[in-house]
């Protein structure tokens, strides 16, 4: 095991070569086989573990350039300023102007968040309110802020309805037909919207997304398949 000063140098050299590493890389750089020894040396510099990949990856506090949501990604590996996935979920909901749905959180974090949401709700660290027949809106635990978030969401939805106009049955059918034509592979609302556009059918992306959500499309095998479970 390297001494503290040599360890700092070895770690900085390692992270200069690659900003994100696994435990095996740290063990090799510090010439040890002991996890706790590695963690003690990493603490000297300050570090974060990834909220993705079950916390398998490490970086130094000084490396990430977090975005407006406090998130940073290196390839498929995600880190959050809050530290853990559970903390990130809570922070994102608290800071959101209009609350957050499960799908919105999942799209942003690119990992499943249902367990974290359930734990926060049970512990009353966040609140939730039914947004429609299929979705909950997750809100701040503070009643005053939650009320503001709910009002903001309702305003957003009304504005979207005015801008988009009515979602006609014909539009729904066009989207469903395109999805069924592509049923051998998983497709996204963006792909369907582009295909419809190429066929001369103009359907707003937001409408396609609504149809996907309403009919649980884009999930191979339907809503009860493994692909649709969270």
Protein backbone atom coordinates (compact mmCIF):
# COMPACT_ATOMS: atom_id res chain seq x y z
CA UNK A 1 0.00 0.00 0.00
CA UNK A 2 1.35 3.41 -0.96
CA UNK A 3 1.77 6.03 1.76
CA UNK A 4 -0.67 8.99 1.80
CA UNK A 5 1.45 11.36 -0.30
CA UNK A 6 2.34 8.72 -2.86
CA UNK A 7 -1.32 7.68 -2.93
CA UNK A 8 -2.45 11.21 -3.80
CA UNK A 9 0.03 11.36 -6.65
CA UNK A 10 -0.96 7.93 -7.95
CA UNK A 11 -4.66 8.76 -7.81
CA UNK A 12 -4.27 12.10 -9.56
CA UNK A 13 -2.22 10.44 -12.31
CA UNK A 14 -4.91 7.78 -12.68
CA UNK A 15 -7.75 10.29 -12.96
CA UNK A 16 -5.77 12.39 -15.44
CA UNK A 17 -5.75 9.40 -17.74
CA UNK A 18 -9.44 8.64 -17.29
CA UNK A 19 -12.00 10.66 -15.27
CA UNK A 20 -14.05 7.61 -14.27
CA UNK A 21 -12.61 4.36 -12.88
CA UNK A 22 -13.64 1.11 -11.24
CA UNK A 23 -12.48 -0.33 -7.94
CA UNK A 24 -10.00 -2.67 -9.63
CA UNK A 25 -8.24 0.36 -11.15
CA UNK A 26 -7.96 1.98 -7.73
CA UNK A 27 -6.63 -1.18 -6.12
CA UNK A 28 -4.00 -1.48 -8.83
CA UNK A 29 -2.96 2.19 -8.65
CA UNK A 30 -2.57 2.10 -4.86
CA UNK A 31 -0.93 -1.32 -4.80
CA UNK A 32 -3.37 -2.85 -2.35
CA UNK A 33 -6.14 -5.44 -2.25
CA UNK A 34 -8.07 -3.81 0.59
CA UNK A 35 -11.27 -1.88 -0.20
CA UNK A 36 -11.22 0.14 3.03
CA UNK A 37 -7.63 1.24 2.40
CA UNK A 38 -8.66 2.54 -1.02
CA UNK A 39 -11.60 4.44 0.44
CA UNK A 40 -9.41 6.08 3.08
CA UNK A 41 -7.02 7.30 0.38
CA UNK A 42 -9.87 8.48 -1.85
CA UNK A 43 -11.36 10.43 1.05
CA UNK A 44 -8.18 12.49 1.20
CA UNK A 45 -8.99 13.86 -2.26
CA UNK A 46 -12.81 13.75 -2.12
CA UNK A 47 -14.75 11.43 -4.40
CA UNK A 48 -18.15 10.46 -5.78
CA UNK A 49 -19.60 7.09 -6.70
CA UNK A 50 -21.86 6.70 -9.72
CA UNK A 51 -25.61 6.59 -9.20
CA UNK A 52 -25.77 4.25 -12.19
CA UNK A 53 -24.26 0.74 -12.45
CA UNK A 54 -24.93 0.10 -8.74
CA UNK A 55 -22.26 2.60 -7.69
CA UNK A 56 -19.51 0.67 -9.44
CA UNK A 57 -17.67 3.71 -10.78
CA UNK A 58 -15.70 6.45 -9.03
CA UNK A 59 -14.56 9.97 -9.84
CA UNK A 60 -13.04 12.85 -7.90
CA UNK A 61 -15.24 15.69 -6.66
CA UNK A 62 -13.34 18.20 -8.77
CA UNK A 63 -13.89 16.42 -12.11
CA UNK A 64 -17.64 16.50 -12.92
CA UNK A 65 -19.11 19.52 -14.68
CA UNK A 66 -22.67 19.21 -13.44
CA UNK A 67 -25.56 20.46 -15.54
CA UNK A 68 -28.52 22.53 -14.34
CA UNK A 69 -30.03 19.41 -12.76
CA UNK A 70 -26.88 18.56 -10.82
CA UNK A 71 -26.09 15.63 -13.12
CA UNK A 72 -22.98 14.66 -15.07
CA UNK A 73 -22.45 11.73 -17.41
CA UNK A 74 -19.33 10.10 -18.75
CA UNK A 75 -20.54 7.78 -21.46
CA UNK A 76 -23.22 5.64 -19.87
CA UNK A 77 -22.01 6.33 -16.33
CA UNK A 78 -23.96 8.93 -14.34
CA UNK A 79 -22.96 10.99 -11.30
CA UNK A 80 -25.05 13.46 -9.33
CA UNK A 81 -24.08 16.37 -7.13
CA UNK A 82 -26.46 15.05 -4.47
CA UNK A 83 -24.34 11.91 -4.19
CA UNK A 84 -26.82 9.03 -4.38
CA UNK A 85 -29.72 8.20 -6.67
CA UNK A 86 -32.16 8.50 -3.77
CA UNK A 87 -30.83 11.96 -2.91
CA UNK A 88 -30.92 13.01 -6.57
CA UNK A 89 -34.58 11.96 -6.92
CA UNK A 90 -35.55 13.97 -3.84
CA UNK A 91 -33.58 17.02 -4.96
CA UNK A 92 -34.96 17.00 -8.51
CA UNK A 93 -38.53 16.84 -7.24
CA UNK A 94 -37.96 19.59 -4.70
CA UNK A 95 -36.39 21.95 -7.25
CA UNK A 96 -38.85 21.25 -10.05
CA UNK A 97 -41.16 24.15 -10.85
CA UNK A 98 -43.98 21.89 -11.91
CA UNK A 99 -43.39 18.67 -10.02
CA UNK A 100 -42.14 15.56 -11.78
CA UNK A 101 -43.65 12.35 -13.11
CA UNK A 102 -41.95 8.97 -12.80
CA UNK A 103 -41.31 8.90 -16.56
CA UNK A 104 -39.79 12.37 -16.54
CA UNK A 105 -37.42 11.39 -13.75
CA UNK A 106 -36.49 8.17 -15.48
CA UNK A 107 -35.82 9.95 -18.78
CA UNK A 108 -33.64 12.51 -17.02
CA UNK A 109 -31.66 10.10 -14.87
CA UNK A 110 -31.72 7.22 -17.40
CA UNK A 111 -32.25 4.67 -14.66
CA UNK A 112 -35.27 3.20 -12.90
CA UNK A 113 -36.50 5.32 -10.02
CA UNK A 114 -39.69 3.61 -8.87
CA UNK A 115 -38.16 2.14 -5.71
CA UNK A 116 -36.65 5.49 -4.69
CA UNK A 117 -39.97 7.25 -5.26
CA UNK A 118 -41.81 4.65 -3.22
CA UNK A 119 -39.39 4.99 -0.31
CA UNK A 120 -39.59 8.79 -0.34
CA UNK A 121 -43.40 8.74 -0.38
CA UNK A 122 -43.57 6.25 2.49
CA UNK A 123 -41.13 8.35 4.51
CA UNK A 124 -43.15 11.50 3.64
CA UNK A 125 -40.07 13.17 2.18
CA UNK A 126 -42.12 13.90 -0.94
CA UNK A 127 -45.83 13.97 -1.78
CA UNK A 128 -47.70 12.75 -4.85
CA UNK A 129 -50.96 13.65 -6.53
CA UNK A 130 -52.85 11.89 -9.30
CA UNK A 131 -52.18 13.71 -12.58
CA UNK A 132 -54.35 11.51 -14.78
CA UNK A 133 -55.57 7.93 -14.88
CA UNK A 134 -52.06 6.55 -15.47
CA UNK A 135 -49.66 9.03 -13.87
CA UNK A 136 -48.77 10.46 -10.48
CA UNK A 137 -47.15 13.85 -10.13
CA UNK A 138 -44.46 13.88 -7.43
CA UNK A 139 -44.26 17.08 -5.42
CA UNK A 140 -42.40 18.75 -2.58
CA UNK A 141 -43.26 17.65 0.94
CA UNK A 142 -43.77 21.32 1.79
CA UNK A 143 -47.51 21.99 1.22
CA UNK A 144 -46.98 25.58 0.05
CA UNK A 145 -44.36 24.65 -2.53
CA UNK A 146 -46.34 21.57 -3.59
CA UNK A 147 -49.38 23.76 -4.29
CA UNK A 148 -47.27 26.07 -6.46
CA UNK A 149 -45.82 23.09 -8.35
CA UNK A 150 -49.29 21.67 -8.95
CA UNK A 151 -50.62 24.99 -10.21
CA UNK A 152 -47.63 25.41 -12.52
CA UNK A 153 -48.18 21.92 -13.96
CA UNK A 154 -51.84 22.58 -14.62
CA UNK A 155 -50.95 25.82 -16.40
CA UNK A 156 -48.37 23.99 -18.53
CA UNK A 157 -50.90 21.35 -19.54
CA UNK A 158 -53.53 23.94 -20.50
CA UNK A 159 -51.03 25.86 -22.62
CA UNK A 160 -49.93 22.67 -24.35
CA UNK A 161 -53.53 21.76 -25.13
CA UNK A 162 -54.13 25.17 -26.72
CA UNK A 163 -50.92 25.09 -28.76
CA UNK A 164 -51.35 21.52 -29.99
CA UNK A 165 -55.03 21.62 -30.71
CA UNK A 166 -57.25 18.55 -30.47
CA UNK A 167 -55.79 15.07 -30.68
CA UNK A 168 -58.09 13.59 -33.29
CA UNK A 169 -59.05 9.95 -33.68
CA UNK A 170 -57.46 10.04 -37.14
CA UNK A 171 -54.11 11.08 -35.63
CA UNK A 172 -54.32 8.28 -33.10
CA UNK A 173 -55.03 5.73 -35.81
CA UNK A 174 -52.10 6.97 -37.92
CA UNK A 175 -49.74 6.56 -34.98
CA UNK A 176 -51.09 3.11 -34.07
CA UNK A 177 -50.78 1.88 -37.66
CA UNK A 178 -47.17 3.05 -37.86
CA UNK A 179 -46.32 1.34 -34.56
CA UNK A 180 -47.94 -1.92 -35.65
CA UNK A 181 -45.99 -1.80 -38.92
CA UNK A 182 -42.83 -1.55 -36.79
CA UNK A 183 -43.93 -4.13 -34.23
CA UNK A 184 -40.95 -6.44 -34.83
CA UNK A 185 -38.69 -3.92 -33.09
CA UNK A 186 -39.12 -1.45 -30.28
CA UNK A 187 -39.79 2.02 -31.63
CA UNK A 188 -39.83 5.45 -30.01
CA UNK A 189 -42.36 8.26 -30.43
CA UNK A 190 -39.66 10.27 -32.23
CA UNK A 191 -39.14 7.48 -34.77
CA UNK A 192 -42.87 7.13 -35.39
CA UNK A 193 -43.29 10.90 -35.83
CA UNK A 194 -40.45 10.96 -38.38
CA UNK A 195 -41.86 8.00 -40.30
CA UNK A 196 -45.31 9.54 -40.41
CA UNK A 197 -43.80 12.81 -41.64
CA UNK A 198 -41.96 10.99 -44.44
CA UNK A 199 -45.29 9.44 -45.43
CA UNK A 200 -46.86 12.87 -45.65
CA UNK A 201 -48.81 12.57 -42.37
CA UNK A 202 -48.20 15.50 -40.07
CA UNK A 203 -48.70 14.53 -36.43
CA UNK A 204 -47.06 16.62 -33.67
CA UNK A 205 -44.50 14.72 -31.62
CA UNK A 206 -46.43 15.59 -28.46
CA UNK A 207 -49.50 13.82 -29.87
CA UNK A 208 -47.45 10.74 -30.74
CA UNK A 209 -46.06 10.71 -27.20
CA UNK A 210 -49.56 10.95 -25.78
CA UNK A 211 -50.74 8.00 -27.91
CA UNK A 212 -47.74 5.94 -26.79
CA UNK A 213 -48.51 6.71 -23.16
CA UNK A 214 -52.25 6.16 -23.51
CA UNK A 215 -51.92 2.79 -25.28
CA UNK A 216 -48.68 1.68 -23.58
CA UNK A 217 -46.89 1.38 -26.89
CA UNK A 218 -43.18 0.91 -27.51
CA UNK A 219 -43.04 -1.89 -24.92
CA UNK A 220 -42.27 -5.18 -26.59
CA UNK A 221 -44.82 -7.77 -25.60
CA UNK A 222 -47.25 -5.19 -24.24
CA UNK A 223 -47.72 -3.71 -20.79
CA UNK A 224 -47.17 -7.04 -19.00
CA UNK A 225 -43.85 -7.83 -20.67
CA UNK A 226 -40.52 -7.62 -18.80
CA UNK A 227 -39.60 -4.56 -20.87
CA UNK A 228 -42.45 -2.60 -19.36
CA UNK A 229 -41.76 -3.36 -15.71
CA UNK A 230 -39.99 -0.82 -13.49
